[in-house]
C-alpha atoms as a PDB file:
ATOM      1  CA  MET A   1     -23.073 -17.136  15.563  1.00  0.00           C
ATOM      2  CA  ASP A   2     -19.328 -17.346  16.078  1.00  0.00           C
ATOM      3  CA  GLU A   3     -17.663 -14.161  14.814  1.00  0.00           C
ATOM      4  CA  THR A   4     -15.076 -16.249  12.975  1.00  0.00           C
ATOM      5  CA  GLU A   5     -17.876 -17.738  10.845  1.00  0.00           C
ATOM      6  CA  LEU A   6     -19.026 -14.349   9.601  1.00  0.00           C
ATOM      7  CA  HIS A   7     -17.648 -12.996   6.373  1.00  0.00           C
ATOM      8  CA  PRO A   8     -17.180  -9.219   6.245  1.00  0.00           C
ATOM      9  CA  PRO A   9     -19.693  -7.478   3.966  1.00  0.00           C
ATOM     10  CA  SER A  10     -18.735  -7.003   0.351  1.00  0.00           C
ATOM     11  CA  ASN A  11     -20.203  -4.544  -2.163  1.00  0.00           C
ATOM     12  CA  PRO A  12     -20.431  -6.135  -5.639  1.00  0.00           C
ATOM     13  CA  VAL A  13     -20.178  -2.708  -7.290  1.00  0.00           C
ATOM     14  CA  LEU A  14     -16.910  -1.961  -5.501  1.00  0.00           C
ATOM     15  CA  VAL A  15     -15.568  -5.409  -6.343  1.00  0.00           C
ATOM     16  CA  ARG A  16     -16.262  -4.714 -10.028  1.00  0.00           C
ATOM     17  CA  LEU A  17     -14.584  -1.323  -9.649  1.00  0.00           C
ATOM     18  CA  VAL A  18     -11.447  -3.013  -8.317  1.00  0.00           C
ATOM     19  CA  LYS A  19     -11.482  -5.336 -11.326  1.00  0.00           C
ATOM     20  CA  VAL A  20     -11.786  -2.368 -13.698  1.00  0.00           C
ATOM     21  CA  ILE A  21      -8.888  -0.603 -11.981  1.00  0.00           C
ATOM     22  CA  ALA A  22      -6.894  -3.837 -12.231  1.00  0.00           C
ATOM     23  CA  VAL A  23      -7.478  -3.995 -15.989  1.00  0.00           C
ATOM     24  CA  VAL A  24      -6.418  -0.354 -16.361  1.00  0.00           C
ATOM     25  CA  ALA A  25      -3.313  -0.997 -14.254  1.00  0.00           C
ATOM     26  CA  VAL A  26      -2.356  -4.036 -16.353  1.00  0.00           C
ATOM     27  CA  ILE A  27      -2.727  -2.032 -19.566  1.00  0.00           C
ATOM     28  CA  GLN A  28      -0.691   0.848 -18.136  1.00  0.00           C
ATOM     29  CA  VAL A  29       2.132  -1.282 -16.773  1.00  0.00           C
ATOM     30  CA  SER A  30       2.277  -3.459 -19.894  1.00  0.00           C
ATOM     31  CA  SER A  31       2.295  -0.570 -22.371  1.00  0.00           C
ATOM     32  CA  ILE A  32       4.801   1.573 -20.456  1.00  0.00           C
ATOM     33  CA  SER A  33       7.064  -1.424 -19.849  1.00  0.00           C
ATOM     34  CA  ALA A  34       6.999  -2.430 -23.522  1.00  0.00           C
ATOM     35  CA  PHE A  35       7.628   1.145 -24.637  1.00  0.00           C
ATOM     36  CA  ILE A  36      10.685   1.588 -22.383  1.00  0.00           C
ATOM     37  CA  LEU A  37      12.123  -1.914 -22.662  1.00  0.00           C
ATOM     38  CA  ILE A  38      11.849  -1.935 -26.450  1.00  0.00           C
ATOM     39  CA  GLY A  39      12.179   1.701 -27.415  1.00  0.00           C
ATOM     40  CA  SER A  40      14.484   3.210 -24.803  1.00  0.00           C
ATOM     41  CA  LYS A  41      18.257   2.995 -24.768  1.00  0.00           C
ATOM     42  CA  SER A  42      18.466   4.083 -21.120  1.00  0.00           C
ATOM     43  CA  LEU A  43      19.671   1.222 -18.933  1.00  0.00           C
ATOM     44  CA  PRO A  44      18.619   3.007 -15.701  1.00  0.00           C
ATOM     45  CA  HIS A  45      15.058   3.454 -16.988  1.00  0.00           C
ATOM     46  CA  LYS A  46      14.929  -0.168 -18.090  1.00  0.00           C
ATOM     47  CA  ALA A  47      16.198  -1.193 -14.654  1.00  0.00           C
ATOM     48  CA  VAL A  48      13.456   0.828 -12.949  1.00  0.00           C
ATOM     49  CA  ILE A  49      10.858  -0.922 -15.104  1.00  0.00           C
ATOM     50  CA  GLY A  50      12.362  -4.269 -14.106  1.00  0.00           C
ATOM     51  CA  MET A  51      12.108  -3.306 -10.434  1.00  0.00           C
ATOM     52  CA  ILE A  52       8.496  -2.206 -10.830  1.00  0.00           C
ATOM     53  CA  LEU A  53       7.635  -5.457 -12.608  1.00  0.00           C
ATOM     54  CA  GLY A  54       9.255  -7.324  -9.714  1.00  0.00           C
ATOM     55  CA  LEU A  55       7.080  -5.371  -7.273  1.00  0.00           C
ATOM     56  CA  VAL A  56       3.995  -6.194  -9.312  1.00  0.00           C
ATOM     57  CA  LEU A  57       4.915  -9.876  -9.537  1.00  0.00           C
ATOM     58  CA  PHE A  58       5.927 -10.513  -5.920  1.00  0.00           C
ATOM     59  CA  TRP A  59       3.713  -8.089  -3.988  1.00  0.00           C
ATOM     60  CA  ILE A  60       0.583  -7.478  -6.038  1.00  0.00           C
ATOM     61  CA  ILE A  61       0.129 -10.742  -7.930  1.00  0.00           C
ATOM     62  CA  THR A  62       1.702 -13.323  -5.610  1.00  0.00           C
ATOM     63  CA  GLY A  63       0.787 -11.504  -2.411  1.00  0.00           C
ATOM     64  CA  GLY A  64      -2.709 -10.748  -3.662  1.00  0.00           C
ATOM     65  CA  LEU A  65      -3.420 -14.345  -4.637  1.00  0.00           C
ATOM     66  CA  LEU A  66      -2.162 -15.593  -1.261  1.00  0.00           C
ATOM     67  CA  ALA A  67      -4.311 -13.010   0.557  1.00  0.00           C
ATOM     68  CA  LEU A  68      -7.442 -14.085  -1.316  1.00  0.00           C
ATOM     69  CA  ARG A  69      -6.672 -17.787  -0.883  1.00  0.00           C
ATOM     70  CA  TYR A  70      -6.022 -17.718   2.860  1.00  0.00           C
ATOM     71  CA  LYS A  71      -8.004 -14.674   4.029  1.00  0.00           C
ATOM     72  CA  GLN A  72     -10.615 -16.673   5.953  1.00  0.00           C
ATOM     73  CA  ALA A  73      -7.999 -18.775   7.738  1.00  0.00           C
ATOM     74  CA  VAL A  74      -6.037 -15.639   8.625  1.00  0.00           C
ATOM     75  CA  ARG A  75      -9.238 -13.958   9.827  1.00  0.00           C
ATOM     76  CA  CYS A  76     -10.053 -16.841  12.176  1.00  0.00           C
ATOM     77  CA  TRP A  77      -6.529 -16.773  13.593  1.00  0.00           C
ATOM     78  CA  VAL A  78      -6.413 -13.008  14.082  1.00  0.00           C
ATOM     79  CA  LEU A  79      -9.838 -12.829  15.727  1.00  0.00           C
ATOM     80  CA  ARG A  80      -8.766 -15.418  18.289  1.00  0.00           C
ATOM     81  CA  LEU A  81      -5.649 -13.477  19.272  1.00  0.00           C
ATOM     82  CA  PRO A  82      -5.918 -11.531  22.546  1.00  0.00           C
ATOM     83  CA  GLY A  83      -6.207  -7.758  22.518  1.00  0.00           C
ATOM     84  CA  SER A  84      -8.521  -5.174  21.003  1.00  0.00           C
ATOM     85  CA  TRP A  85      -9.291  -5.453  17.309  1.00  0.00           C
ATOM     86  CA  GLN A  86      -8.115  -1.847  16.855  1.00  0.00           C
ATOM     87  CA  LEU A  87      -4.646  -2.668  18.157  1.00  0.00           C
ATOM     88  CA  LYS A  88      -4.514  -5.832  16.057  1.00  0.00           C
ATOM     89  CA  PHE A  89      -5.551  -3.873  12.973  1.00  0.00           C
ATOM     90  CA  VAL A  90      -2.773  -1.307  13.459  1.00  0.00           C
ATOM     91  CA  ILE A  91      -0.147  -3.986  14.094  1.00  0.00           C
ATOM     92  CA  PHE A  92      -1.312  -6.162  11.179  1.00  0.00           C
ATOM     93  CA  ALA A  93      -1.356  -3.241   8.738  1.00  0.00           C
ATOM     94  CA  THR A  94       2.108  -2.200   9.915  1.00  0.00           C
ATOM     95  CA  VAL A  95       3.399  -5.736   9.352  1.00  0.00           C
ATOM     96  CA  MET A  96       1.914  -5.740   5.848  1.00  0.00           C
ATOM     97  CA  ALA A  97       3.605  -2.418   5.083  1.00  0.00           C
ATOM     98  CA  LEU A  98       6.904  -3.781   6.381  1.00  0.00           C
ATOM     99  CA  LEU A  99       6.527  -6.817   4.103  1.00  0.00           C
ATOM    100  CA  GLU A 100       5.793  -4.591   1.118  1.00  0.00           C
ATOM    101  CA  GLU A 101       8.976  -2.657   1.786  1.00  0.00           C
ATOM    102  CA  VAL A 102      10.919  -5.918   1.905  1.00  0.00           C
ATOM    103  CA  VAL A 103       9.923  -6.355  -1.733  1.00  0.00           C
ATOM    104  CA  THR A 104      10.621  -2.765  -2.823  1.00  0.00           C
ATOM    105  CA  VAL A 105      13.988  -2.480  -1.064  1.00  0.00           C
ATOM    106  CA  SER A 106      14.970  -5.892  -2.434  1.00  0.00           C
ATOM    107  CA  MET A 107      14.172  -4.641  -5.925  1.00  0.00           C
ATOM    108  CA  THR A 108      16.328  -1.550  -5.381  1.00  0.00           C
ATOM    109  CA  ASN A 109      19.180  -3.768  -4.220  1.00  0.00           C
ATOM    110  CA  CYS A 110      18.802  -5.852  -7.374  1.00  0.00           C
ATOM    111  CA  ALA A 111      20.125  -2.947  -9.467  1.00  0.00           C
ATOM    112  CA  PRO A 112      23.282  -4.889 -10.515  1.00  0.00           C
ATOM    113  CA  LEU A 113      21.073  -7.731 -11.750  1.00  0.00           C
ATOM    114  CA  PHE A 114      19.379  -5.254 -14.072  1.00  0.00           C
ATOM    115  CA  GLY A 115      22.709  -4.127 -15.521  1.00  0.00           C
ATOM    116  CA  VAL A 116      23.279  -0.891 -13.582  1.00  0.00           C
ATOM    117  CA  LYS A 117      25.248   0.169 -10.533  1.00  0.00           C
ATOM    118  CA  MET A 118      23.608   0.622  -7.151  1.00  0.00           C
ATOM    119  CA  GLY A 119      22.020   4.064  -7.062  1.00  0.00           C
ATOM    120  CA  GLN A 120      21.706   4.434 -10.834  1.00  0.00           C
ATOM    121  CA  ALA A 121      18.200   2.979 -10.679  1.00  0.00           C
ATOM    122  CA  TYR A 122      15.922   2.555  -7.667  1.00  0.00           C
ATOM    123  CA  ILE A 123      12.312   2.509  -6.459  1.00  0.00           C
ATOM    124  CA  THR A 124      13.015   3.338  -2.811  1.00  0.00           C
ATOM    125  CA  ALA A 125      14.715   6.308  -1.176  1.00  0.00           C
ATOM    126  CA  SER A 126      17.549   4.112   0.086  1.00  0.00           C
ATOM    127  CA  ALA A 127      19.015   0.641  -0.311  1.00  0.00           C
ATOM    128  CA  ASN A 128      18.970   0.279   3.480  1.00  0.00           C
ATOM    129  CA  TYR A 129      15.741  -1.367   4.639  1.00  0.00           C
ATOM    130  CA  PHE A 130      15.742   0.165   8.107  1.00  0.00           C
ATOM    131  CA  ASP A 131      16.451   3.621   6.732  1.00  0.00           C
ATOM    132  CA  VAL A 132      13.475   3.265   4.380  1.00  0.00           C
ATOM    133  CA  VAL A 133      10.938   2.040   6.934  1.00  0.00           C
ATOM    134  CA  LEU A 134      12.114   4.232   9.833  1.00  0.00           C
ATOM    135  CA  GLY A 135      12.941   7.387   7.908  1.00  0.00           C
ATOM    136  CA  HIS A 136      10.717   7.449   4.846  1.00  0.00           C
ATOM    137  CA  SER A 137       7.697   5.169   4.641  1.00  0.00           C
ATOM    138  CA  VAL A 138       6.249   2.854   7.297  1.00  0.00           C
ATOM    139  CA  ILE A 139       7.006   5.237  10.155  1.00  0.00           C
ATOM    140  CA  VAL A 140       4.626   7.702   8.472  1.00  0.00           C
ATOM    141  CA  PHE A 141       2.001   5.064   7.632  1.00  0.00           C
ATOM    142  CA  ILE A 142       1.353   4.134  11.264  1.00  0.00           C
ATOM    143  CA  PRO A 143      -0.662   7.314  12.051  1.00  0.00           C
ATOM    144  CA  GLN A 144      -2.831   6.451   9.036  1.00  0.00           C
ATOM    145  CA  TYR A 145      -3.521   3.002  10.447  1.00  0.00           C
ATOM    146  CA  ILE A 146      -4.406   4.474  13.824  1.00  0.00           C
ATOM    147  CA  ALA A 147      -6.802   6.865  12.067  1.00  0.00           C
ATOM    148  CA  TRP A 148      -8.271   3.958  10.127  1.00  0.00           C
ATOM    149  CA  ALA A 149      -8.904   2.033  13.352  1.00  0.00           C
ATOM    150  CA  TRP A 150     -10.679   5.130  14.694  1.00  0.00           C
ATOM    151  CA  VAL A 151     -12.870   5.427  11.584  1.00  0.00           C
ATOM    152  CA  LEU A 152     -13.694   1.709  11.529  1.00  0.00           C
ATOM    153  CA  THR A 153     -14.728   1.821  15.191  1.00  0.00           C
ATOM    154  CA  LYS A 154     -17.599   4.108  14.186  1.00  0.00           C
ATOM    155  CA  TYR A 155     -18.388   3.038  10.635  1.00  0.00           C
ATOM    156  CA  GLN A 156     -18.984  -0.293   8.944  1.00  0.00           C
ATOM    157  CA  LEU A 157     -16.825  -0.212   5.816  1.00  0.00           C
ATOM    158  CA  SER A 158     -16.171  -3.321   3.768  1.00  0.00           C
ATOM    159  CA  PRO A 159     -12.579  -4.556   3.275  1.00  0.00           C
ATOM    160  CA  VAL A 160     -12.901  -3.630  -0.412  1.00  0.00           C
ATOM    161  CA  SER A 161     -13.903  -0.076   0.577  1.00  0.00           C
ATOM    162  CA  VAL A 162     -10.861   0.176   2.832  1.00  0.00           C
ATOM    163  CA  PHE A 163      -8.699  -1.213   0.021  1.00  0.00           C
ATOM    164  CA  LEU A 164      -9.936   1.423  -2.434  1.00  0.00           C
ATOM    165  CA  ILE A 165      -9.793   4.403  -0.081  1.00  0.00           C
ATOM    166  CA  TYR A 166      -6.326   3.586   1.170  1.00  0.00           C
ATOM    167  CA  GLY A 167      -5.287   2.921  -2.408  1.00  0.00           C
ATOM    168  CA  VAL A 168      -6.315   6.480  -3.244  1.00  0.00           C
ATOM    169  CA  GLN A 169      -4.392   7.693  -0.190  1.00  0.00           C
ATOM    170  CA  GLY A 170      -1.297   5.903  -1.431  1.00  0.00           C
ATOM    171  CA  LEU A 171      -1.769   7.177  -4.972  1.00  0.00           C
ATOM    172  CA  THR A 172      -2.027  10.791  -3.803  1.00  0.00           C
ATOM    173  CA  GLY A 173       0.937  10.310  -1.476  1.00  0.00           C
ATOM    174  CA  GLU A 174       3.082   9.051  -4.345  1.00  0.00           C
ATOM    175  CA  ALA A 175       1.981  12.042  -6.419  1.00  0.00           C
ATOM    176  CA  MET A 176       2.917  14.472  -3.638  1.00  0.00           C
ATOM    177  CA  PHE A 177       6.443  13.122  -3.364  1.00  0.00           C
ATOM    178  CA  GLY A 178       7.067  11.805  -6.870  1.00  0.00           C
ATOM    179  CA  GLY A 179       5.086  14.178  -9.080  1.00  0.00           C
ATOM    180  CA  VAL A 180       1.522  14.403 -10.370  1.00  0.00           C
ATOM    181  CA  ALA A 181       2.278  11.839 -13.084  1.00  0.00           C
ATOM    182  CA  HIS A 182       1.939   9.173 -10.392  1.00  0.00           C
ATOM    183  CA  LEU A 183      -1.804   9.903 -10.265  1.00  0.00           C
ATOM    184  CA  LEU A 184      -2.082   7.997 -13.539  1.00  0.00           C
ATOM    185  CA  ASN A 185      -0.244   4.914 -12.266  1.00  0.00           C
ATOM    186  CA  MET A 186      -3.155   2.815 -11.022  1.00  0.00           C
ATOM    187  CA  PHE A 187      -0.929  -0.039  -9.851  1.00  0.00           C
ATOM    188  CA  TRP A 188      -0.042   2.080  -6.793  1.00  0.00           C
ATOM    189  CA  MET A 189      -3.617   1.578  -5.588  1.00  0.00           C
ATOM    190  CA  PHE A 190      -2.899  -2.141  -5.351  1.00  0.00           C
ATOM    191  CA  VAL A 191       0.507  -1.619  -3.737  1.00  0.00           C
ATOM    192  CA  TYR A 192      -1.090   0.370  -0.919  1.00  0.00           C
ATOM    193  CA  GLY A 193      -4.523  -1.239  -0.850  1.00  0.00           C
ATOM    194  CA  MET A 194      -3.028  -4.624  -0.116  1.00  0.00           C
ATOM    195  CA  MET A 195      -1.438  -3.256   3.054  1.00  0.00           C
ATOM    196  CA  VAL A 196      -4.876  -2.829   4.636  1.00  0.00           C
ATOM    197  CA  TYR A 197      -7.136  -5.340   2.874  1.00  0.00           C
ATOM    198  CA  LEU A 198      -6.336  -8.345   5.079  1.00  0.00           C
ATOM    199  CA  PRO A 199      -6.235  -6.281   8.303  1.00  0.00           C
ATOM    200  CA  ALA A 200      -9.675  -4.852   7.406  1.00  0.00           C
ATOM    201  CA  TYR A 201     -10.937  -8.360   6.590  1.00  0.00           C
ATOM    202  CA  CYS A 202      -9.877  -9.508  10.046  1.00  0.00           C
ATOM    203  CA  ILE A 203     -11.848  -7.059  12.179  1.00  0.00           C
ATOM    204  CA  PRO A 204     -15.142  -8.125  13.850  1.00  0.00           C
ATOM    205  CA  VAL A 205     -18.336  -7.631  11.854  1.00  0.00           C
ATOM    206  CA  ASN A 206     -20.501  -7.215  14.966  1.00  0.00           C
ATOM    207  CA  ARG A 207     -18.548  -4.389  16.617  1.00  0.00           C
ATOM    208  CA  GLY A 208     -21.319  -1.822  16.975  1.00  0.00           C
ATOM    209  CA  ALA A 209     -20.320   0.132  13.889  1.00  0.00           C
ATOM    210  CA  VAL A 210     -22.959   1.825  11.740  1.00  0.00           C
ATOM    211  CA  ARG A 211     -23.321   2.310   8.002  1.00  0.00           C
ATOM    212  CA  ALA A 212     -21.582   5.361   6.585  1.00  0.00           C
ATOM    213  CA  ASP A 213     -23.492   8.653   6.863  1.00  0.00           C
ATOM    214  CA  TRP A 214     -22.631  12.334   6.377  1.00  0.00           C
ATOM    215  CA  GLY A 215     -20.640  12.293   9.595  1.00  0.00           C
ATOM    216  CA  ILE A 216     -17.991  10.182   7.902  1.00  0.00           C
ATOM    217  CA  ILE A 217     -16.871  13.132   5.754  1.00  0.00           C
ATOM    218  CA  TRP A 218     -14.941  14.923   8.483  1.00  0.00           C
ATOM    219  CA  ARG A 219     -13.524  11.622   9.702  1.00  0.00           C
ATOM    220  CA  MET A 220     -12.255  10.958   6.196  1.00  0.00           C
ATOM    221  CA  PHE A 221     -10.661  14.397   6.227  1.00  0.00           C
ATOM    222  CA  VAL A 222      -8.828  13.482   9.426  1.00  0.00           C
ATOM    223  CA  LEU A 223      -7.914  10.146   7.866  1.00  0.00           C
ATOM    224  CA  PHE A 224      -6.269  11.736   4.841  1.00  0.00           C
ATOM    225  CA  ILE A 225      -4.321  14.342   6.812  1.00  0.00           C
ATOM    226  CA  SER A 226      -3.355  11.891   9.582  1.00  0.00           C
ATOM    227  CA  PRO A 227       0.267  11.387   8.446  1.00  0.00           C
ATOM    228  CA  GLY A 228       0.892  15.099   7.882  1.00  0.00           C
ATOM    229  CA  LEU A 229       2.213  16.276  11.252  1.00  0.00           C
ATOM    230  CA  PHE A 230       4.120  13.059  11.840  1.00  0.00           C
ATOM    231  CA  ALA A 231       5.661  13.267   8.364  1.00  0.00           C
ATOM    232  CA  ALA A 232       6.826  16.809   9.134  1.00  0.00           C
ATOM    233  CA  VAL A 233       8.489  15.585  12.338  1.00  0.00           C
ATOM    234  CA  VAL A 234      10.150  12.668  10.537  1.00  0.00           C
ATOM    235  CA  MET A 235      11.419  14.955   7.766  1.00  0.00           C
ATOM    236  CA  LYS A 236      12.828  17.316  10.386  1.00  0.00           C
ATOM    237  CA  LEU A 237      14.660  14.491  12.130  1.00  0.00           C
ATOM    238  CA  HIS A 238      15.636  12.799   8.867  1.00  0.00           C
ATOM    239  CA  PRO A 239      15.699  15.573   6.249  1.00  0.00           C
ATOM    240  CA  VAL A 240      17.173  13.502   3.399  1.00  0.00           C
ATOM    241  CA  LYS A 241      14.330  13.024   0.922  1.00  0.00           C
ATOM    242  CA  ILE A 242      16.217  10.479  -1.142  1.00  0.00           C
ATOM    243  CA  HIS A 243      19.706   9.019  -0.818  1.00  0.00           C
ATOM    244  CA  PHE A 244      20.439   8.501  -4.506  1.00  0.00           C
ATOM    245  CA  PRO A 245      21.227  10.941  -7.324  1.00  0.00           C
ATOM    246  CA  PRO A 246      18.528  11.624  -9.935  1.00  0.00           C
ATOM    247  CA  ILE A 247      18.081   8.805 -12.418  1.00  0.00           C
ATOM    248  CA  ALA A 248      19.931   9.634 -15.644  1.00  0.00           C
ATOM    249  CA  PRO A 249      17.777  10.060 -18.780  1.00  0.00           C
END
């Protein structure tokens, strides 16, 4: 059978888990947004909520619906491209991350539209797109994608599994840099998970990979620490953690 006719495996339990997380994320975002927009007098905090809602609308909702609608067509196209599937996975995931940062940096640059000056409210480390992707975010994600390609060469993980695991990676990463409170913000799982869902959907099913066993544990350890050394190098070369002052209360 033609590889393009095969759908990647999907675990119904994991699909239901994603739906549960989505419900939790909707409740969290809705309640926090209502609380701040209605009860807070802080324009910067209201602006941040507006930026986050823009990220949810344009990246998670719109991007997610487009990914689900056209995933099979994209899969057929990607599989027919020349080159190893590992290289295509890394490039595709990097492109998705770059697109996500287009949305986030655009939201940061929309600060005046939310009634505040540039730098008074933000959701990225800088208003400069290239500074963000080359000095803060995507440049550090690439080692993760390389590690993911390495793991997926050995093990058969469904796109939903990749979505969830990378979502947890993103959630923990946000907590490391933004505080442990981010661990409660489930929408970050969708922000990050969407970067790898389509790339994972577009890799060959019949690639000689096996079902996960105990050997995957140490590979997952490598996967989670994969950005560490590279992040240290990037922070040494570009030591500015964030280019804006703290958001006023």
